[in-house]
C-alpha atoms as a PDB file:
ATOM      1  CA  MET A   1      -6.139 -24.618  14.650  1.00  0.00           C
ATOM      2  CA  ARG A   2      -5.472 -23.629  18.250  1.00  0.00           C
ATOM      3  CA  LEU A   3      -4.149 -20.139  19.030  1.00  0.00           C
ATOM      4  CA  VAL A   4      -1.464 -19.974  21.698  1.00  0.00           C
ATOM      5  CA  ARG A   5      -0.501 -16.738  23.443  1.00  0.00           C
ATOM      6  CA  SER A   6       3.128 -15.951  22.779  1.00  0.00           C
ATOM      7  CA  SER A   7       5.680 -13.289  23.566  1.00  0.00           C
ATOM      8  CA  MET A   8       6.191 -12.705  19.826  1.00  0.00           C
ATOM      9  CA  ASN A   9       6.274  -9.001  18.961  1.00  0.00           C
ATOM     10  CA  ARG A  10       4.224  -7.447  16.157  1.00  0.00           C
ATOM     11  CA  ARG A  11       7.050  -7.425  13.589  1.00  0.00           C
ATOM     12  CA  GLU A  12       7.917 -11.074  14.255  1.00  0.00           C
ATOM     13  CA  PHE A  13       4.232 -11.937  13.951  1.00  0.00           C
ATOM     14  CA  LEU A  14       3.829 -10.112  10.609  1.00  0.00           C
ATOM     15  CA  THR A  15       7.065 -11.594   9.264  1.00  0.00           C
ATOM     16  CA  THR A  16       5.972 -15.076  10.315  1.00  0.00           C
ATOM     17  CA  LEU A  17       2.501 -14.537   8.890  1.00  0.00           C
ATOM     18  CA  GLY A  18       4.018 -13.299   5.609  1.00  0.00           C
ATOM     19  CA  ALA A  19       6.421 -16.229   5.445  1.00  0.00           C
ATOM     20  CA  GLY A  20       3.594 -18.639   6.215  1.00  0.00           C
ATOM     21  CA  ALA A  21       1.376 -17.115   3.547  1.00  0.00           C
ATOM     22  CA  ALA A  22       4.207 -17.231   1.013  1.00  0.00           C
ATOM     23  CA  THR A  23       4.714 -20.906   1.836  1.00  0.00           C
ATOM     24  CA  LEU A  24       1.032 -21.618   1.263  1.00  0.00           C
ATOM     25  CA  LEU A  25       0.727 -19.465  -1.861  1.00  0.00           C
ATOM     26  CA  LEU A  26       3.798 -20.439  -3.831  1.00  0.00           C
ATOM     27  CA  PRO A  27       3.302 -23.169  -6.423  1.00  0.00           C
ATOM     28  CA  ARG A  28       5.142 -26.344  -5.485  1.00  0.00           C
ATOM     29  CA  ALA A  29       6.343 -29.160  -7.686  1.00  0.00           C
ATOM     30  CA  GLY A  30       3.587 -31.718  -8.064  1.00  0.00           C
ATOM     31  CA  TRP A  31       0.737 -29.364  -7.106  1.00  0.00           C
ATOM     32  CA  PRO A  32      -2.256 -29.384  -9.422  1.00  0.00           C
ATOM     33  CA  ALA A  33      -2.178 -26.633 -12.086  1.00  0.00           C
ATOM     34  CA  GLU A  34      -5.374 -25.055 -10.737  1.00  0.00           C
ATOM     35  CA  ARG A  35      -3.700 -24.249  -7.404  1.00  0.00           C
ATOM     36  CA  ARG A  36      -2.362 -20.756  -8.004  1.00  0.00           C
ATOM     37  CA  GLN A  37      -1.415 -17.728  -5.968  1.00  0.00           C
ATOM     38  CA  PRO A  38      -4.442 -15.527  -5.336  1.00  0.00           C
ATOM     39  CA  ASN A  39      -4.588 -12.020  -6.723  1.00  0.00           C
ATOM     40  CA  LEU A  40      -4.188  -9.410  -3.997  1.00  0.00           C
ATOM     41  CA  LEU A  41      -5.666  -5.920  -4.097  1.00  0.00           C
ATOM     42  CA  VAL A  42      -5.172  -3.435  -1.264  1.00  0.00           C
ATOM     43  CA  ILE A  43      -7.169  -0.215  -1.517  1.00  0.00           C
ATOM     44  CA  VAL A  44      -6.107   2.745   0.612  1.00  0.00           C
ATOM     45  CA  ALA A  45      -8.425   5.736   0.497  1.00  0.00           C
ATOM     46  CA  ASP A  46      -7.712   8.949   2.357  1.00  0.00           C
ATOM     47  CA  ASP A  47     -10.766  10.448   4.075  1.00  0.00           C
ATOM     48  CA  LEU A  48     -13.145   7.649   3.068  1.00  0.00           C
ATOM     49  CA  GLY A  49     -15.847   7.281   5.677  1.00  0.00           C
ATOM     50  CA  TYR A  50     -17.141   3.931   6.934  1.00  0.00           C
ATOM     51  CA  ALA A  51     -20.491   4.252   5.130  1.00  0.00           C
ATOM     52  CA  ASP A  52     -19.149   5.803   1.897  1.00  0.00           C
ATOM     53  CA  LEU A  53     -19.320   2.507  -0.044  1.00  0.00           C
ATOM     54  CA  GLY A  54     -22.401   0.571  -1.088  1.00  0.00           C
ATOM     55  CA  VAL A  55     -21.132  -2.553   0.657  1.00  0.00           C
ATOM     56  CA  GLN A  56     -21.096  -0.532   3.889  1.00  0.00           C
ATOM     57  CA  GLY A  57     -24.587   0.915   3.402  1.00  0.00           C
ATOM     58  CA  CYS A  58     -24.078   3.984   1.181  1.00  0.00           C
ATOM     59  CA  ARG A  59     -27.099   4.637  -1.046  1.00  0.00           C
ATOM     60  CA  ASP A  60     -26.358   8.034  -2.636  1.00  0.00           C
ATOM     61  CA  VAL A  61     -23.119   7.154  -4.509  1.00  0.00           C
ATOM     62  CA  PRO A  62     -23.141   3.751  -6.232  1.00  0.00           C
ATOM     63  CA  THR A  63     -19.917   1.718  -5.926  1.00  0.00           C
ATOM     64  CA  PRO A  64     -20.838  -1.534  -7.738  1.00  0.00           C
ATOM     65  CA  ASN A  65     -17.298  -2.598  -8.655  1.00  0.00           C
ATOM     66  CA  ILE A  66     -15.907  -2.179  -5.150  1.00  0.00           C
ATOM     67  CA  ASP A  67     -19.041  -3.879  -3.788  1.00  0.00           C
ATOM     68  CA  SER A  68     -18.371  -6.810  -6.148  1.00  0.00           C
ATOM     69  CA  ILE A  69     -14.768  -7.099  -4.954  1.00  0.00           C
ATOM     70  CA  ALA A  70     -16.040  -7.185  -1.358  1.00  0.00           C
ATOM     71  CA  ARG A  71     -18.641  -9.863  -2.178  1.00  0.00           C
ATOM     72  CA  ASN A  72     -16.303 -12.105  -4.158  1.00  0.00           C
ATOM     73  CA  GLY A  73     -13.084 -11.839  -2.166  1.00  0.00           C
ATOM     74  CA  ILE A  74     -11.864 -11.880   1.382  1.00  0.00           C
ATOM     75  CA  ARG A  75     -13.065  -8.817   3.211  1.00  0.00           C
ATOM     76  CA  PHE A  76     -11.391  -7.396   6.305  1.00  0.00           C
ATOM     77  CA  THR A  77     -13.865  -5.211   8.184  1.00  0.00           C
ATOM     78  CA  ASN A  78     -11.887  -4.020  11.215  1.00  0.00           C
ATOM     79  CA  GLY A  79      -8.927  -2.105   9.868  1.00  0.00           C
ATOM     80  CA  TYR A  80      -7.319   0.644  11.874  1.00  0.00           C
ATOM     81  CA  VAL A  81      -4.647   3.139  10.928  1.00  0.00           C
ATOM     82  CA  SER A  82      -1.661   3.893  13.092  1.00  0.00           C
ATOM     83  CA  CYS A  83      -1.639   7.643  12.446  1.00  0.00           C
ATOM     84  CA  PRO A  84      -4.288  10.283  11.644  1.00  0.00           C
ATOM     85  CA  VAL A  85      -2.374  11.625   8.601  1.00  0.00           C
ATOM     86  CA  CYS A  86      -1.587   9.957   5.300  1.00  0.00           C
ATOM     87  CA  SER A  87       2.196   9.595   4.822  1.00  0.00           C
ATOM     88  CA  PRO A  88       2.917   7.916   8.180  1.00  0.00           C
ATOM     89  CA  THR A  89      -0.094   5.638   7.712  1.00  0.00           C
ATOM     90  CA  ARG A  90       1.227   4.579   4.304  1.00  0.00           C
ATOM     91  CA  ALA A  91       4.691   3.980   5.808  1.00  0.00           C
ATOM     92  CA  GLY A  92       3.159   1.687   8.432  1.00  0.00           C
ATOM     93  CA  LEU A  93       1.116  -0.201   5.827  1.00  0.00           C
ATOM     94  CA  GLN A  94       4.102  -0.587   3.476  1.00  0.00           C
ATOM     95  CA  THR A  95       6.387  -1.990   6.184  1.00  0.00           C
ATOM     96  CA  GLY A  96       4.087  -3.679   8.693  1.00  0.00           C
ATOM     97  CA  ARG A  97       5.792  -1.626  11.418  1.00  0.00           C
ATOM     98  CA  TYR A  98       4.812   1.307  13.556  1.00  0.00           C
ATOM     99  CA  GLN A  99       6.220   4.271  11.646  1.00  0.00           C
ATOM    100  CA  GLN A 100       7.476   5.926  14.850  1.00  0.00           C
ATOM    101  CA  ARG A 101      10.020   3.116  15.133  1.00  0.00           C
ATOM    102  CA  PHE A 102      11.831   4.339  12.036  1.00  0.00           C
ATOM    103  CA  GLY A 103      11.199   8.077  12.221  1.00  0.00           C
ATOM    104  CA  HIS A 104       8.324   8.565   9.776  1.00  0.00           C
ATOM    105  CA  GLU A 105       5.607  10.056  11.970  1.00  0.00           C
ATOM    106  CA  PHE A 106       4.823  13.305  10.090  1.00  0.00           C
ATOM    107  CA  ASN A 107       3.586  14.442   6.676  1.00  0.00           C
ATOM    108  CA  PRO A 108       6.369  16.115   4.682  1.00  0.00           C
ATOM    109  CA  GLY A 109       4.673  19.103   3.101  1.00  0.00           C
ATOM    110  CA  ALA A 110       5.072  20.035  -0.555  1.00  0.00           C
ATOM    111  CA  ALA A 111       7.966  18.610  -2.586  1.00  0.00           C
ATOM    112  CA  GLU A 112       9.656  21.998  -2.871  1.00  0.00           C
ATOM    113  CA  THR A 113       9.727  22.495   0.928  1.00  0.00           C
ATOM    114  CA  ALA A 114      10.195  18.905   2.137  1.00  0.00           C
ATOM    115  CA  PRO A 115      13.601  17.967   3.561  1.00  0.00           C
ATOM    116  CA  PRO A 116      15.737  16.166   0.949  1.00  0.00           C
ATOM    117  CA  THR A 117      15.938  13.147   3.270  1.00  0.00           C
ATOM    118  CA  PHE A 118      12.142  12.784   3.504  1.00  0.00           C
ATOM    119  CA  GLY A 119      11.015   9.343   2.436  1.00  0.00           C
ATOM    120  CA  LEU A 120      10.412   5.803   3.575  1.00  0.00           C
ATOM    121  CA  PRO A 121      13.853   4.811   4.937  1.00  0.00           C
ATOM    122  CA  LEU A 122      15.733   2.695   2.439  1.00  0.00           C
ATOM    123  CA  ALA A 123      16.539   0.084   5.112  1.00  0.00           C
ATOM    124  CA  GLU A 124      12.823  -0.707   5.500  1.00  0.00           C
ATOM    125  CA  VAL A 125      11.461  -3.710   3.595  1.00  0.00           C
ATOM    126  CA  THR A 126       8.132  -3.017   1.877  1.00  0.00           C
ATOM    127  CA  ILE A 127       5.145  -5.245   1.272  1.00  0.00           C
ATOM    128  CA  ALA A 128       6.040  -5.036  -2.431  1.00  0.00           C
ATOM    129  CA  ASP A 129       9.517  -6.430  -1.682  1.00  0.00           C
ATOM    130  CA  ARG A 130       7.979  -9.353   0.192  1.00  0.00           C
ATOM    131  CA  LEU A 131       5.326 -10.049  -2.451  1.00  0.00           C
ATOM    132  CA  ARG A 132       7.890  -9.864  -5.236  1.00  0.00           C
ATOM    133  CA  ALA A 133      10.034 -12.420  -3.362  1.00  0.00           C
ATOM    134  CA  ALA A 134       6.941 -14.658  -3.201  1.00  0.00           C
ATOM    135  CA  GLY A 135       6.595 -14.550  -6.993  1.00  0.00           C
ATOM    136  CA  TYR A 136       4.088 -11.734  -7.416  1.00  0.00           C
ATOM    137  CA  VAL A 137       4.163  -8.933  -9.962  1.00  0.00           C
ATOM    138  CA  THR A 138       3.466  -5.729  -8.055  1.00  0.00           C
ATOM    139  CA  GLY A 139       1.935  -2.427  -9.049  1.00  0.00           C
ATOM    140  CA  LEU A 140       0.859   0.768  -7.352  1.00  0.00           C
ATOM    141  CA  VAL A 141      -1.754   3.170  -8.715  1.00  0.00           C
ATOM    142  CA  GLY A 142      -2.419   6.580  -7.177  1.00  0.00           C
ATOM    143  CA  LYS A 143      -0.763   8.397  -4.338  1.00  0.00           C
ATOM    144  CA  TRP A 144       2.667   7.322  -3.057  1.00  0.00           C
ATOM    145  CA  HIS A 145       3.504  10.087  -0.530  1.00  0.00           C
ATOM    146  CA  LEU A 146       6.589   8.273   0.781  1.00  0.00           C
ATOM    147  CA  GLY A 147       9.364  10.340  -0.749  1.00  0.00           C
ATOM    148  CA  TYR A 148       9.973  12.656  -3.683  1.00  0.00           C
ATOM    149  CA  ARG A 149      13.610  11.892  -4.519  1.00  0.00           C
ATOM    150  CA  PRO A 150      14.513   9.158  -7.040  1.00  0.00           C
ATOM    151  CA  GLN A 151      15.795   6.719  -4.388  1.00  0.00           C
ATOM    152  CA  PHE A 152      12.348   6.738  -2.728  1.00  0.00           C
ATOM    153  CA  HIS A 153      10.356   6.147  -5.952  1.00  0.00           C
ATOM    154  CA  PRO A 154       7.915   3.198  -5.732  1.00  0.00           C
ATOM    155  CA  MET A 155       9.700   1.377  -8.545  1.00  0.00           C
ATOM    156  CA  ARG A 156      12.864   1.465  -6.448  1.00  0.00           C
ATOM    157  CA  ARG A 157      10.948   0.194  -3.407  1.00  0.00           C
ATOM    158  CA  GLY A 158       9.741  -3.137  -4.807  1.00  0.00           C
ATOM    159  CA  TYR A 159       6.995  -2.159  -7.251  1.00  0.00           C
ATOM    160  CA  ASP A 160       7.188  -3.356 -10.853  1.00  0.00           C
ATOM    161  CA  GLU A 161       4.699  -0.770 -12.116  1.00  0.00           C
ATOM    162  CA  PHE A 162       3.615   2.684 -10.957  1.00  0.00           C
ATOM    163  CA  PHE A 163       0.969   5.079 -12.238  1.00  0.00           C
ATOM    164  CA  GLY A 164       0.285   8.028 -10.006  1.00  0.00           C
ATOM    165  CA  PHE A 165       1.968  10.868  -8.195  1.00  0.00           C
ATOM    166  CA  LEU A 166       4.592  11.085  -5.499  1.00  0.00           C
ATOM    167  CA  GLY A 167       3.088  13.634  -3.077  1.00  0.00           C
ATOM    168  CA  GLY A 168      -0.128  14.435  -1.280  1.00  0.00           C
ATOM    169  CA  SER A 169      -2.969  16.887  -1.946  1.00  0.00           C
ATOM    170  CA  HIS A 170      -3.020  16.121  -5.658  1.00  0.00           C
ATOM    171  CA  SER A 171      -6.072  16.512  -7.865  1.00  0.00           C
ATOM    172  CA  TYR A 172      -6.931  13.519 -10.027  1.00  0.00           C
ATOM    173  CA  LEU A 173      -9.170  15.697 -12.193  1.00  0.00           C
ATOM    174  CA  ASP A 174      -7.296  18.991 -12.635  1.00  0.00           C
ATOM    175  CA  ASN A 175      -3.621  18.240 -13.105  1.00  0.00           C
ATOM    176  CA  THR A 176      -2.912  21.792 -14.348  1.00  0.00           C
ATOM    177  CA  ALA A 177      -3.174  22.916 -10.712  1.00  0.00           C
ATOM    178  CA  ARG A 178      -0.159  20.736  -9.837  1.00  0.00           C
ATOM    179  CA  MET A 179       2.198  20.955 -12.805  1.00  0.00           C
ATOM    180  CA  ARG A 180       5.190  20.832 -10.446  1.00  0.00           C
ATOM    181  CA  GLU A 181       4.129  17.326  -9.527  1.00  0.00           C
ATOM    182  CA  PRO A 182       2.823  15.554 -12.621  1.00  0.00           C
ATOM    183  CA  ILE A 183       1.154  12.179 -12.809  1.00  0.00           C
ATOM    184  CA  LEU A 184       3.803   9.573 -13.628  1.00  0.00           C
ATOM    185  CA  ARG A 185       3.713   6.315 -15.515  1.00  0.00           C
ATOM    186  CA  GLY A 186       6.711   4.536 -14.111  1.00  0.00           C
ATOM    187  CA  MET A 187       9.215   7.363 -13.836  1.00  0.00           C
ATOM    188  CA  THR A 188       7.947   9.286 -16.866  1.00  0.00           C
ATOM    189  CA  PRO A 189       5.657  12.343 -16.466  1.00  0.00           C
ATOM    190  CA  ARG A 190       2.321  11.889 -18.233  1.00  0.00           C
ATOM    191  CA  GLY A 191       0.749  15.275 -17.782  1.00  0.00           C
END
């Protein structure tokens, strides 16, 4: 395949790439049964250093399952974030767009002090929307941090399943410290 320099902007490129991938991944009539869509797993980890995983050289904390995923899948080694704080970075990842282009360049603060309009703008299409349209079942586990109000909930933004919490700075181990923001399964508080 020959790469040709084009005047295509980043959004057009990502949309084209997504459409091309969907075309290649979707089962077509007459294709052999063994040709299926691949499973996709995207892991976002706040404050994870480059050498904090075994696959990257870490020796003091074993990460055998993540190392196995890296060995047996496709591994992207040069990922960069578009913001130094978590919520805008997640907004960029979810949409494939620079978050400044739709006004999501800051962290919101706690749910009780965040503006009621804080959240990933409803006009933005998420990666979950695109994957769902390509025939995938989508799920999100962990931190959302893209809106506290019901209209911004992950299950209203393209995800079929959700297990986690809506805001930032949440303890996975001591949920009693954050009773105002419980862990949710779907839309139901679990503790």
